[in-house]
Amino acid sequence: VGEGKSTSRFVIRRFLSRLDQEVVAVRIVGPCESATEFMGQIISA
């Protein structure tokens, strides 16, 4: 939790970059307006 997008996004990106290559990482950046859109983004990733 934190105010502002830029720093939290960078923290998330840095966290993902530190994971092992065998870890599958999915990142949903923008707010999703429906459950179908949300699940679709995961499946696409």
PDB file of all heavy atoms in Angstrom:
ATOM      1  N   VAL A   1       0.844  -1.199   0.000  1.00  0.00           N
ATOM      2  CA  VAL A   1       0.000   0.000   0.000  1.00  0.00           C
ATOM      3  C   VAL A   1       0.875   1.241   0.000  1.00  0.00           C
ATOM      4  O   VAL A   1       1.822   1.348   0.780  1.00  0.00           O
ATOM      5  CB  VAL A   1      -0.938   0.022   1.224  1.00  0.00           C
ATOM      6  CG1 VAL A   1      -1.746   1.317   1.256  1.00  0.00           C
ATOM      7  CG2 VAL A   1      -1.870  -1.183   1.208  1.00  0.00           C
ATOM      8  N   GLY A   2       0.575   2.177  -0.886  1.00  0.00           N
ATOM      9  CA  GLY A   2       1.314   3.435  -0.919  1.00  0.00           C
ATOM     10  C   GLY A   2       0.682   4.397  -1.898  1.00  0.00           C
ATOM     11  O   GLY A   2       0.021   3.988  -2.851  1.00  0.00           O
ATOM     12  N   GLU A   3       0.870   5.699  -1.661  1.00  0.00           N
ATOM     13  CA  GLU A   3       0.335   6.710  -2.554  1.00  0.00           C
ATOM     14  C   GLU A   3       1.253   6.883  -3.760  1.00  0.00           C
ATOM     15  O   GLU A   3       2.475   6.920  -3.622  1.00  0.00           O
ATOM     16  CB  GLU A   3       0.189   8.052  -1.826  1.00  0.00           C
ATOM     17  CG  GLU A   3      -0.963   8.068  -0.854  1.00  0.00           C
ATOM     18  CD  GLU A   3      -2.289   7.798  -1.544  1.00  0.00           C
ATOM     19  OE1 GLU A   3      -2.542   8.348  -2.626  1.00  0.00           O
ATOM     20  OE2 GLU A   3      -3.077   7.007  -0.995  1.00  0.00           O
ATOM     21  N   GLY A   4       0.657   7.017  -4.925  1.00  0.00           N
ATOM     22  CA  GLY A   4       1.433   7.211  -6.141  1.00  0.00           C
ATOM     23  C   GLY A   4       1.733   5.892  -6.831  1.00  0.00           C
ATOM     24  O   GLY A   4       1.977   4.873  -6.198  1.00  0.00           O
ATOM     25  N   LYS A   5       1.719   5.920  -8.162  1.00  0.00           N
ATOM     26  CA  LYS A   5       1.921   4.697  -8.936  1.00  0.00           C
ATOM     27  C   LYS A   5       3.384   4.365  -9.175  1.00  0.00           C
ATOM     28  O   LYS A   5       3.778   3.203  -9.141  1.00  0.00           O
ATOM     29  CB  LYS A   5       1.228   4.824 -10.300  1.00  0.00           C
ATOM     30  CG  LYS A   5      -0.280   4.945 -10.242  1.00  0.00           C
ATOM     31  CD  LYS A   5      -0.834   5.064 -11.656  1.00  0.00           C
ATOM     32  CE  LYS A   5      -2.338   5.242 -11.653  1.00  0.00           C
ATOM     33  NZ  LYS A   5      -2.867   5.373 -13.033  1.00  0.00           N
ATOM     34  N   SER A   6       4.201   5.388  -9.439  1.00  0.00           N
ATOM     35  CA  SER A   6       5.531   5.140  -9.989  1.00  0.00           C
ATOM     36  C   SER A   6       6.405   4.303  -9.072  1.00  0.00           C
ATOM     37  O   SER A   6       7.042   3.335  -9.508  1.00  0.00           O
ATOM     38  CB  SER A   6       6.222   6.466 -10.319  1.00  0.00           C
ATOM     39  OG  SER A   6       6.332   7.275  -9.164  1.00  0.00           O
ATOM     40  N   THR A   7       6.455   4.641  -7.775  1.00  0.00           N
ATOM     41  CA  THR A   7       7.350   3.931  -6.876  1.00  0.00           C
ATOM     42  C   THR A   7       6.866   2.516  -6.608  1.00  0.00           C
ATOM     43  O   THR A   7       7.648   1.573  -6.604  1.00  0.00           O
ATOM     44  CB  THR A   7       7.494   4.699  -5.552  1.00  0.00           C
ATOM     45  OG1 THR A   7       7.887   6.039  -5.841  1.00  0.00           O
ATOM     46  CG2 THR A   7       8.538   4.055  -4.665  1.00  0.00           C
ATOM     47  N   SER A   8       5.549   2.345  -6.376  1.00  0.00           N
ATOM     48  CA  SER A   8       5.031   0.999  -6.119  1.00  0.00           C
ATOM     49  C   SER A   8       5.239   0.103  -7.329  1.00  0.00           C
ATOM     50  O   SER A   8       5.575  -1.078  -7.188  1.00  0.00           O
ATOM     51  CB  SER A   8       3.548   1.059  -5.735  1.00  0.00           C
ATOM     52  OG  SER A   8       2.781   1.614  -6.783  1.00  0.00           O
ATOM     53  N   ARG A   9       5.067   0.660  -8.526  1.00  0.00           N
ATOM     54  CA  ARG A   9       5.293  -0.137  -9.727  1.00  0.00           C
ATOM     55  C   ARG A   9       6.750  -0.555  -9.847  1.00  0.00           C
ATOM     56  O   ARG A   9       7.052  -1.684 -10.243  1.00  0.00           O
ATOM     57  CB  ARG A   9       4.857   0.645 -10.972  1.00  0.00           C
ATOM     58  CG  ARG A   9       3.359   0.683 -11.151  1.00  0.00           C
ATOM     59  CD  ARG A   9       2.945   1.329 -12.452  1.00  0.00           C
ATOM     60  NE  ARG A   9       1.506   1.190 -12.643  1.00  0.00           N
ATOM     61  CZ  ARG A   9       0.838   1.670 -13.690  1.00  0.00           C
ATOM     62  NH1 ARG A   9       1.494   2.328 -14.630  1.00  0.00           N
ATOM     63  NH2 ARG A   9      -0.454   1.502 -13.793  1.00  0.00           N
ATOM     64  N   PHE A  10       7.655   0.346  -9.498  1.00  0.00           N
ATOM     65  CA  PHE A  10       9.063  -0.008  -9.584  1.00  0.00           C
ATOM     66  C   PHE A  10       9.417  -1.070  -8.548  1.00  0.00           C
ATOM     67  O   PHE A  10      10.194  -1.992  -8.826  1.00  0.00           O
ATOM     68  CB  PHE A  10       9.934   1.228  -9.410  1.00  0.00           C
ATOM     69  CG  PHE A  10      11.399   0.926  -9.516  1.00  0.00           C
ATOM     70  CD1 PHE A  10      11.951   0.568 -10.737  1.00  0.00           C
ATOM     71  CD2 PHE A  10      12.217   0.969  -8.402  1.00  0.00           C
ATOM     72  CE1 PHE A  10      13.301   0.265 -10.845  1.00  0.00           C
ATOM     73  CE2 PHE A  10      13.556   0.667  -8.502  1.00  0.00           C
ATOM     74  CZ  PHE A  10      14.101   0.315  -9.726  1.00  0.00           C
ATOM     75  N   VAL A  11       8.855  -0.963  -7.346  1.00  0.00           N
ATOM     76  CA  VAL A  11       9.101  -1.969  -6.307  1.00  0.00           C
ATOM     77  C   VAL A  11       8.602  -3.335  -6.773  1.00  0.00           C
ATOM     78  O   VAL A  11       9.306  -4.341  -6.616  1.00  0.00           O
ATOM     79  CB  VAL A  11       8.421  -1.558  -4.980  1.00  0.00           C
ATOM     80  CG1 VAL A  11       8.398  -2.723  -3.999  1.00  0.00           C
ATOM     81  CG2 VAL A  11       9.135  -0.368  -4.358  1.00  0.00           C
ATOM     82  N   ILE A  12       7.402  -3.373  -7.370  1.00  0.00           N
ATOM     83  CA  ILE A  12       6.862  -4.632  -7.882  1.00  0.00           C
ATOM     84  C   ILE A  12       7.757  -5.188  -8.983  1.00  0.00           C
ATOM     85  O   ILE A  12       8.076  -6.388  -9.006  1.00  0.00           O
ATOM     86  CB  ILE A  12       5.433  -4.444  -8.416  1.00  0.00           C
ATOM     87  CG1 ILE A  12       4.477  -4.060  -7.276  1.00  0.00           C
ATOM     88  CG2 ILE A  12       4.943  -5.699  -9.128  1.00  0.00           C
ATOM     89  CD1 ILE A  12       4.284  -5.116  -6.227  1.00  0.00           C
ATOM     90  N   ARG A  13       8.180  -4.324  -9.903  1.00  0.00           N
ATOM     91  CA  ARG A  13       9.017  -4.785 -11.007  1.00  0.00           C
ATOM     92  C   ARG A  13      10.356  -5.317 -10.501  1.00  0.00           C
ATOM     93  O   ARG A  13      10.853  -6.350 -10.975  1.00  0.00           O
ATOM     94  CB  ARG A  13       9.250  -3.654 -12.011  1.00  0.00           C
ATOM     95  CG  ARG A  13       9.862  -4.125 -13.325  1.00  0.00           C
ATOM     96  CD  ARG A  13      10.154  -2.955 -14.247  1.00  0.00           C
ATOM     97  NE  ARG A  13      11.272  -2.175 -13.791  1.00  0.00           N
ATOM     98  CZ  ARG A  13      12.545  -2.456 -14.058  1.00  0.00           C
ATOM     99  NH1 ARG A  13      12.856  -3.514 -14.776  1.00  0.00           N
ATOM    100  NH2 ARG A  13      13.507  -1.688 -13.608  1.00  0.00           N
ATOM    101  N   ARG A  14      10.939  -4.625  -9.530  1.00  0.00           N
ATOM    102  CA  ARG A  14      12.208  -5.089  -8.966  1.00  0.00           C
ATOM    103  C   ARG A  14      12.031  -6.440  -8.271  1.00  0.00           C
ATOM    104  O   ARG A  14      12.883  -7.326  -8.370  1.00  0.00           O
ATOM    105  CB  ARG A  14      12.757  -4.054  -7.976  1.00  0.00           C
ATOM    106  CG  ARG A  14      13.388  -2.849  -8.624  1.00  0.00           C
ATOM    107  CD  ARG A  14      14.702  -3.199  -9.301  1.00  0.00           C
ATOM    108  NE  ARG A  14      15.701  -3.604  -8.330  1.00  0.00           N
ATOM    109  CZ  ARG A  14      16.540  -2.759  -7.723  1.00  0.00           C
ATOM    110  NH1 ARG A  14      16.486  -1.459  -8.000  1.00  0.00           N
ATOM    111  NH2 ARG A  14      17.416  -3.196  -6.856  1.00  0.00           N
ATOM    112  N   PHE A  15      10.913  -6.601  -7.564  1.00  0.00           N
ATOM    113  CA  PHE A  15      10.630  -7.878  -6.903  1.00  0.00           C
ATOM    114  C   PHE A  15      10.550  -9.004  -7.924  1.00  0.00           C
ATOM    115  O   PHE A  15      11.152 -10.069  -7.741  1.00  0.00           O
ATOM    116  CB  PHE A  15       9.321  -7.763  -6.116  1.00  0.00           C
ATOM    117  CG  PHE A  15       8.711  -9.088  -5.742  1.00  0.00           C
ATOM    118  CD1 PHE A  15       9.330  -9.936  -4.836  1.00  0.00           C
ATOM    119  CD2 PHE A  15       7.511  -9.490  -6.316  1.00  0.00           C
ATOM    120  CE1 PHE A  15       8.768 -11.165  -4.503  1.00  0.00           C
ATOM    121  CE2 PHE A  15       6.938 -10.703  -5.995  1.00  0.00           C
ATOM    122  CZ  PHE A  15       7.568 -11.551  -5.090  1.00  0.00           C
ATOM    123  N   LEU A  16       9.817  -8.779  -9.016  1.00  0.00           N
ATOM    124  CA  LEU A  16       9.670  -9.812 -10.040  1.00  0.00           C
ATOM    125  C   LEU A  16      10.997 -10.134 -10.706  1.00  0.00           C
ATOM    126  O   LEU A  16      11.269 -11.290 -11.048  1.00  0.00           O
ATOM    127  CB  LEU A  16       8.642  -9.374 -11.086  1.00  0.00           C
ATOM    128  CG  LEU A  16       7.208  -9.204 -10.596  1.00  0.00           C
ATOM    129  CD1 LEU A  16       6.308  -8.747 -11.737  1.00  0.00           C
ATOM    130  CD2 LEU A  16       6.667 -10.489  -9.988  1.00  0.00           C
ATOM    131  N   SER A  17      11.842  -9.123 -10.902  1.00  0.00           N
ATOM    132  CA  SER A  17      13.121  -9.341 -11.584  1.00  0.00           C
ATOM    133  C   SER A  17      14.080 -10.169 -10.743  1.00  0.00           C
ATOM    134  O   SER A  17      15.031 -10.748 -11.273  1.00  0.00           O
ATOM    135  CB  SER A  17      13.763  -7.996 -11.939  1.00  0.00           C
ATOM    136  OG  SER A  17      14.213  -7.323 -10.770  1.00  0.00           O
ATOM    137  N   ARG A  18      13.833 -10.235  -9.427  1.00  0.00           N
ATOM    138  CA  ARG A  18      14.714 -10.991  -8.540  1.00  0.00           C
ATOM    139  C   ARG A  18      14.319 -12.461  -8.426  1.00  0.00           C
ATOM    140  O   ARG A  18      15.025 -13.250  -7.805  1.00  0.00           O
ATOM    141  CB  ARG A  18      14.699 -10.342  -7.144  1.00  0.00           C
ATOM    142  CG  ARG A  18      15.406  -9.002  -7.113  1.00  0.00           C
ATOM    143  CD  ARG A  18      14.838  -8.054  -6.075  1.00  0.00           C
ATOM    144  NE  ARG A  18      14.998  -8.471  -4.705  1.00  0.00           N
ATOM    145  CZ  ARG A  18      15.490  -7.702  -3.741  1.00  0.00           C
ATOM    146  NH1 ARG A  18      15.923  -6.482  -4.034  1.00  0.00           N
ATOM    147  NH2 ARG A  18      15.581  -8.116  -2.502  1.00  0.00           N
ATOM    148  N   LEU A  19      13.181 -12.837  -9.015  1.00  0.00           N
ATOM    149  CA  LEU A  19      12.716 -14.223  -8.923  1.00  0.00           C
ATOM    150  C   LEU A  19      13.512 -15.128  -9.859  1.00  0.00           C
ATOM    151  O   LEU A  19      14.046 -14.685 -10.878  1.00  0.00           O
ATOM    152  CB  LEU A  19      11.231 -14.294  -9.285  1.00  0.00           C
ATOM    153  CG  LEU A  19      10.269 -13.505  -8.393  1.00  0.00           C
ATOM    154  CD1 LEU A  19       8.852 -13.588  -8.952  1.00  0.00           C
ATOM    155  CD2 LEU A  19      10.305 -14.003  -6.950  1.00  0.00           C
ATOM    156  N   ASP A  20      13.562 -16.412  -9.507  1.00  0.00           N
ATOM    157  CA  ASP A  20      14.219 -17.390 -10.374  1.00  0.00           C
ATOM    158  C   ASP A  20      13.499 -17.478 -11.708  1.00  0.00           C
ATOM    159  O   ASP A  20      12.293 -17.235 -11.809  1.00  0.00           O
ATOM    160  CB  ASP A  20      14.219 -18.773  -9.708  1.00  0.00           C
ATOM    161  CG  ASP A  20      15.102 -18.815  -8.470  1.00  0.00           C
ATOM    162  OD1 ASP A  20      16.020 -17.975  -8.380  1.00  0.00           O
ATOM    163  OD2 ASP A  20      14.861 -19.670  -7.595  1.00  0.00           O
ATOM    164  N   GLN A  21      14.238 -17.879 -12.735  1.00  0.00           N
ATOM    165  CA  GLN A  21      13.664 -17.971 -14.077  1.00  0.00           C
ATOM    166  C   GLN A  21      12.542 -19.000 -14.170  1.00  0.00           C
ATOM    167  O   GLN A  21      11.670 -18.891 -15.028  1.00  0.00           O
ATOM    168  CB  GLN A  21      14.774 -18.314 -15.084  1.00  0.00           C
ATOM    169  CG  GLN A  21      15.725 -17.165 -15.371  1.00  0.00           C
ATOM    170  CD  GLN A  21      15.006 -15.976 -15.985  1.00  0.00           C
ATOM    171  OE1 GLN A  21      14.219 -16.119 -16.911  1.00  0.00           O
ATOM    172  NE2 GLN A  21      15.256 -14.791 -15.441  1.00  0.00           N
ATOM    173  N   GLU A  22      12.551 -19.990 -13.294  1.00  0.00           N
ATOM    174  CA  GLU A  22      11.508 -21.010 -13.340  1.00  0.00           C
ATOM    175  C   GLU A  22      10.182 -20.522 -12.772  1.00  0.00           C
ATOM    176  O   GLU A  22       9.153 -21.173 -12.953  1.00  0.00           O
ATOM    177  CB  GLU A  22      11.954 -22.260 -12.577  1.00  0.00           C
ATOM    178  CG  GLU A  22      13.070 -23.032 -13.285  1.00  0.00           C
ATOM    179  CD  GLU A  22      13.336 -24.368 -12.623  1.00  0.00           C
ATOM    180  OE1 GLU A  22      12.769 -24.616 -11.537  1.00  0.00           O
ATOM    181  OE2 GLU A  22      14.103 -25.163 -13.187  1.00  0.00           O
ATOM    182  N   VAL A  23      10.217 -19.403 -12.066  1.00  0.00           N
ATOM    183  CA  VAL A  23       8.980 -18.840 -11.518  1.00  0.00           C
ATOM    184  C   VAL A  23       8.227 -18.117 -12.626  1.00  0.00           C
ATOM    185  O   VAL A  23       8.791 -17.285 -13.339  1.00  0.00           O
ATOM    186  CB  VAL A  23       9.280 -17.862 -10.358  1.00  0.00           C
ATOM    187  CG1 VAL A  23       7.985 -17.229  -9.848  1.00  0.00           C
ATOM    188  CG2 VAL A  23      10.013 -18.582  -9.238  1.00  0.00           C
ATOM    189  N   VAL A  24       6.952 -18.439 -12.793  1.00  0.00           N
ATOM    190  CA  VAL A  24       6.119 -17.744 -13.772  1.00  0.00           C
ATOM    191  C   VAL A  24       5.499 -16.524 -13.097  1.00  0.00           C
ATOM    192  O   VAL A  24       4.795 -16.643 -12.092  1.00  0.00           O
ATOM    193  CB  VAL A  24       5.019 -18.673 -14.328  1.00  0.00           C
ATOM    194  CG1 VAL A  24       4.071 -17.888 -15.230  1.00  0.00           C
ATOM    195  CG2 VAL A  24       5.640 -19.833 -15.087  1.00  0.00           C
ATOM    196  N   ALA A  25       5.785 -15.352 -13.635  1.00  0.00           N
ATOM    197  CA  ALA A  25       5.311 -14.102 -13.051  1.00  0.00           C
ATOM    198  C   ALA A  25       4.324 -13.423 -13.987  1.00  0.00           C
ATOM    199  O   ALA A  25       4.625 -13.177 -15.146  1.00  0.00           O
ATOM    200  CB  ALA A  25       6.485 -13.172 -12.764  1.00  0.00           C
ATOM    201  N   VAL A  26       3.151 -13.125 -13.478  1.00  0.00           N
ATOM    202  CA  VAL A  26       2.105 -12.430 -14.222  1.00  0.00           C
ATOM    203  C   VAL A  26       1.884 -11.082 -13.557  1.00  0.00           C
ATOM    204  O   VAL A  26       1.732 -11.008 -12.338  1.00  0.00           O
ATOM    205  CB  VAL A  26       0.793 -13.236 -14.227  1.00  0.00           C
ATOM    206  CG1 VAL A  26      -0.315 -12.455 -14.923  1.00  0.00           C
ATOM    207  CG2 VAL A  26       1.004 -14.588 -14.886  1.00  0.00           C
ATOM    208  N   ARG A  27       1.865 -10.030 -14.348  1.00  0.00           N
ATOM    209  CA  ARG A  27       1.694  -8.681 -13.798  1.00  0.00           C
ATOM    210  C   ARG A  27       0.543  -7.979 -14.486  1.00  0.00           C
ATOM    211  O   ARG A  27       0.586  -7.732 -15.694  1.00  0.00           O
ATOM    212  CB  ARG A  27       2.991  -7.898 -13.972  1.00  0.00           C
ATOM    213  CG  ARG A  27       2.943  -6.506 -13.355  1.00  0.00           C
ATOM    214  CD  ARG A  27       4.322  -5.873 -13.417  1.00  0.00           C
ATOM    215  NE  ARG A  27       4.227  -4.452 -13.104  1.00  0.00           N
ATOM    216  CZ  ARG A  27       4.918  -3.509 -13.711  1.00  0.00           C
ATOM    217  NH1 ARG A  27       5.754  -3.826 -14.674  1.00  0.00           N
ATOM    218  NH2 ARG A  27       4.766  -2.242 -13.370  1.00  0.00           N
ATOM    219  N   ILE A  28      -0.505  -7.673 -13.724  1.00  0.00           N
ATOM    220  CA  ILE A  28      -1.662  -6.934 -14.230  1.00  0.00           C
ATOM    221  C   ILE A  28      -1.483  -5.482 -13.809  1.00  0.00           C
ATOM    222  O   ILE A  28      -1.601  -5.144 -12.631  1.00  0.00           O
ATOM    223  CB  ILE A  28      -2.984  -7.505 -13.679  1.00  0.00           C
ATOM    224  CG1 ILE A  28      -3.040  -9.025 -13.866  1.00  0.00           C
ATOM    225  CG2 ILE A  28      -4.168  -6.815 -14.334  1.00  0.00           C
ATOM    226  CD1 ILE A  28      -2.992  -9.477 -15.301  1.00  0.00           C
ATOM    227  N   VAL A  29      -1.185  -4.605 -14.765  1.00  0.00           N
ATOM    228  CA  VAL A  29      -0.780  -3.237 -14.439  1.00  0.00           C
ATOM    229  C   VAL A  29      -1.972  -2.317 -14.189  1.00  0.00           C
ATOM    230  O   VAL A  29      -2.002  -1.582 -13.211  1.00  0.00           O
ATOM    231  CB  VAL A  29       0.116  -2.663 -15.561  1.00  0.00           C
ATOM    232  CG1 VAL A  29       0.456  -1.205 -15.281  1.00  0.00           C
ATOM    233  CG2 VAL A  29       1.394  -3.480 -15.685  1.00  0.00           C
ATOM    234  N   GLY A  30      -2.947  -2.320 -15.069  1.00  0.00           N
ATOM    235  CA  GLY A  30      -4.061  -1.381 -14.942  1.00  0.00           C
ATOM    236  C   GLY A  30      -5.270  -2.013 -14.293  1.00  0.00           C
ATOM    237  O   GLY A  30      -5.394  -3.242 -14.249  1.00  0.00           O
ATOM    238  N   PRO A  31      -6.196  -1.212 -13.761  1.00  0.00           N
ATOM    239  CA  PRO A  31      -7.421  -1.759 -13.173  1.00  0.00           C
ATOM    240  C   PRO A  31      -8.286  -2.440 -14.230  1.00  0.00           C
ATOM    241  O   PRO A  31      -8.424  -1.942 -15.345  1.00  0.00           O
ATOM    242  CB  PRO A  31      -8.117  -0.523 -12.590  1.00  0.00           C
ATOM    243  CG  PRO A  31      -7.551   0.633 -13.355  1.00  0.00           C
ATOM    244  CD  PRO A  31      -6.146   0.261 -13.698  1.00  0.00           C
ATOM    245  N   CYS A  32      -8.843  -3.592 -13.883  1.00  0.00           N
ATOM    246  CA  CYS A  32      -9.704  -4.345 -14.801  1.00  0.00           C
ATOM    247  C   CYS A  32     -11.169  -4.039 -14.498  1.00  0.00           C
ATOM    248  O   CYS A  32     -11.564  -3.957 -13.339  1.00  0.00           O
ATOM    249  CB  CYS A  32      -9.450  -5.840 -14.663  1.00  0.00           C
ATOM    250  SG  CYS A  32      -7.773  -6.327 -15.100  1.00  0.00           S
ATOM    251  N   GLU A  33     -11.953  -3.877 -15.553  1.00  0.00           N
ATOM    252  CA  GLU A  33     -13.347  -3.488 -15.396  1.00  0.00           C
ATOM    253  C   GLU A  33     -14.287  -4.677 -15.301  1.00  0.00           C
ATOM    254  O   GLU A  33     -15.472  -4.505 -15.023  1.00  0.00           O
ATOM    255  CB  GLU A  33     -13.763  -2.585 -16.554  1.00  0.00           C
ATOM    256  CG  GLU A  33     -12.997  -1.264 -16.590  1.00  0.00           C
ATOM    257  CD  GLU A  33     -13.441  -0.369 -17.720  1.00  0.00           C
ATOM    258  OE1 GLU A  33     -14.282  -0.810 -18.526  1.00  0.00           O
ATOM    259  OE2 GLU A  33     -12.949   0.778 -17.789  1.00  0.00           O
ATOM    260  N   SER A  34     -13.789  -5.887 -15.548  1.00  0.00           N
ATOM    261  CA  SER A  34     -14.649  -7.070 -15.452  1.00  0.00           C
ATOM    262  C   SER A  34     -13.804  -8.281 -15.104  1.00  0.00           C
ATOM    263  O   SER A  34     -12.587  -8.308 -15.327  1.00  0.00           O
ATOM    264  CB  SER A  34     -15.379  -7.318 -16.773  1.00  0.00           C
ATOM    265  OG  SER A  34     -14.474  -7.736 -17.778  1.00  0.00           O
ATOM    266  N   ALA A  35     -14.471  -9.309 -14.569  1.00  0.00           N
ATOM    267  CA  ALA A  35     -13.777 -10.545 -14.224  1.00  0.00           C
ATOM    268  C   ALA A  35     -13.227 -11.222 -15.476  1.00  0.00           C
ATOM    269  O   ALA A  35     -12.135 -11.813 -15.448  1.00  0.00           O
ATOM    270  CB  ALA A  35     -14.730 -11.479 -13.483  1.00  0.00           C
ATOM    271  N   THR A  36     -13.966 -11.141 -16.585  1.00  0.00           N
ATOM    272  CA  THR A  36     -13.505 -11.755 -17.837  1.00  0.00           C
ATOM    273  C   THR A  36     -12.227 -11.093 -18.334  1.00  0.00           C
ATOM    274  O   THR A  36     -11.288 -11.770 -18.770  1.00  0.00           O
ATOM    275  CB  THR A  36     -14.607 -11.673 -18.908  1.00  0.00           C
ATOM    276  OG1 THR A  36     -15.790 -12.321 -18.428  1.00  0.00           O
ATOM    277  CG2 THR A  36     -14.160 -12.324 -20.200  1.00  0.00           C
ATOM    278  N   GLU A  37     -12.176  -9.764 -18.280  1.00  0.00           N
ATOM    279  CA  GLU A  37     -10.961  -9.042 -18.680  1.00  0.00           C
ATOM    280  C   GLU A  37      -9.790  -9.433 -17.792  1.00  0.00           C
ATOM    281  O   GLU A  37      -8.671  -9.675 -18.274  1.00  0.00           O
ATOM    282  CB  GLU A  37     -11.192  -7.535 -18.604  1.00  0.00           C
ATOM    283  CG  GLU A  37      -9.963  -6.715 -18.982  1.00  0.00           C
ATOM    284  CD  GLU A  37     -10.127  -5.230 -18.701  1.00  0.00           C
ATOM    285  OE1 GLU A  37     -11.236  -4.810 -18.308  1.00  0.00           O
ATOM    286  OE2 GLU A  37      -9.128  -4.490 -18.852  1.00  0.00           O
ATOM    287  N   PHE A  38     -10.031  -9.510 -16.491  1.00  0.00           N
ATOM    288  CA  PHE A  38      -8.986  -9.870 -15.531  1.00  0.00           C
ATOM    289  C   PHE A  38      -8.431 -11.266 -15.815  1.00  0.00           C
ATOM    290  O   PHE A  38      -7.211 -11.454 -15.939  1.00  0.00           O
ATOM    291  CB  PHE A  38      -9.563  -9.798 -14.121  1.00  0.00           C
ATOM    292  CG  PHE A  38      -8.639 -10.291 -13.044  1.00  0.00           C
ATOM    293  CD1 PHE A  38      -7.490  -9.588 -12.711  1.00  0.00           C
ATOM    294  CD2 PHE A  38      -8.924 -11.466 -12.350  1.00  0.00           C
ATOM    295  CE1 PHE A  38      -6.644 -10.045 -11.710  1.00  0.00           C
ATOM    296  CE2 PHE A  38      -8.080 -11.925 -11.352  1.00  0.00           C
ATOM    297  CZ  PHE A  38      -6.936 -11.213 -11.034  1.00  0.00           C
ATOM    298  N   MET A  39      -9.327 -12.250 -15.945  1.00  0.00           N
ATOM    299  CA  MET A  39      -8.881 -13.616 -16.205  1.00  0.00           C
ATOM    300  C   MET A  39      -8.223 -13.721 -17.578  1.00  0.00           C
ATOM    301  O   MET A  39      -7.244 -14.454 -17.760  1.00  0.00           O
ATOM    302  CB  MET A  39     -10.066 -14.578 -16.113  1.00  0.00           C
ATOM    303  CG  MET A  39     -10.671 -14.701 -14.720  1.00  0.00           C
ATOM    304  SD  MET A  39      -9.493 -15.313 -13.497  1.00  0.00           S
ATOM    305  CE  MET A  39      -9.173 -16.956 -14.166  1.00  0.00           C
ATOM    306  N   GLY A  40      -8.735 -12.957 -18.548  1.00  0.00           N
ATOM    307  CA  GLY A  40      -8.150 -12.962 -19.885  1.00  0.00           C
ATOM    308  C   GLY A  40      -6.720 -12.468 -19.885  1.00  0.00           C
ATOM    309  O   GLY A  40      -5.855 -13.007 -20.594  1.00  0.00           O
ATOM    310  N   GLN A  41      -6.433 -11.427 -19.087  1.00  0.00           N
ATOM    311  CA  GLN A  41      -5.067 -10.914 -19.006  1.00  0.00           C
ATOM    312  C   GLN A  41      -4.124 -11.939 -18.382  1.00  0.00           C
ATOM    313  O   GLN A  41      -2.973 -12.079 -18.813  1.00  0.00           O
ATOM    314  CB  GLN A  41      -5.037  -9.615 -18.198  1.00  0.00           C
ATOM    315  CG  GLN A  41      -5.629  -8.432 -18.932  1.00  0.00           C
ATOM    316  CD  GLN A  41      -5.252  -7.113 -18.281  1.00  0.00           C
ATOM    317  OE1 GLN A  41      -4.181  -6.969 -17.711  1.00  0.00           O
ATOM    318  NE2 GLN A  41      -6.132  -6.138 -18.379  1.00  0.00           N
ATOM    319  N   ILE A  42      -4.604 -12.657 -17.380  1.00  0.00           N
ATOM    320  CA  ILE A  42      -3.771 -13.697 -16.767  1.00  0.00           C
ATOM    321  C   ILE A  42      -3.474 -14.806 -17.768  1.00  0.00           C
ATOM    322  O   ILE A  42      -2.323 -15.228 -17.930  1.00  0.00           O
ATOM    323  CB  ILE A  42      -4.464 -14.274 -15.511  1.00  0.00           C
ATOM    324  CG1 ILE A  42      -4.593 -13.208 -14.418  1.00  0.00           C
ATOM    325  CG2 ILE A  42      -3.683 -15.479 -14.979  1.00  0.00           C
ATOM    326  CD1 ILE A  42      -5.345 -13.674 -13.193  1.00  0.00           C
ATOM    327  N   ILE A  43      -4.526 -15.273 -18.451  1.00  0.00           N
ATOM    328  CA  ILE A  43      -4.363 -16.364 -19.414  1.00  0.00           C
ATOM    329  C   ILE A  43      -3.440 -15.952 -20.552  1.00  0.00           C
ATOM    330  O   ILE A  43      -2.590 -16.722 -21.013  1.00  0.00           O
ATOM    331  CB  ILE A  43      -5.740 -16.803 -19.963  1.00  0.00           C
ATOM    332  CG1 ILE A  43      -6.593 -17.383 -18.842  1.00  0.00           C
ATOM    333  CG2 ILE A  43      -5.588 -17.800 -21.097  1.00  0.00           C
ATOM    334  CD1 ILE A  43      -5.937 -18.516 -18.087  1.00  0.00           C
ATOM    335  N   SER A  44      -3.566 -14.720 -21.019  1.00  0.00           N
ATOM    336  CA  SER A  44      -2.694 -14.217 -22.073  1.00  0.00           C
ATOM    337  C   SER A  44      -1.242 -14.194 -21.609  1.00  0.00           C
ATOM    338  O   SER A  44      -0.322 -14.536 -22.357  1.00  0.00           O
ATOM    339  CB  SER A  44      -3.146 -12.820 -22.496  1.00  0.00           C
ATOM    340  OG  SER A  44      -2.290 -12.286 -23.477  1.00  0.00           O
ATOM    341  N   ALA A  45      -1.021 -13.797 -20.347  1.00  0.00           N
ATOM    342  CA  ALA A  45       0.338 -13.692 -19.814  1.00  0.00           C
ATOM    343  C   ALA A  45       1.020 -15.051 -19.671  1.00  0.00           C
ATOM    344  O   ALA A  45       2.244 -15.143 -19.752  1.00  0.00           O
ATOM    345  CB  ALA A  45       0.317 -12.984 -18.460  1.00  0.00           C
TER     346      ALA A  45
END
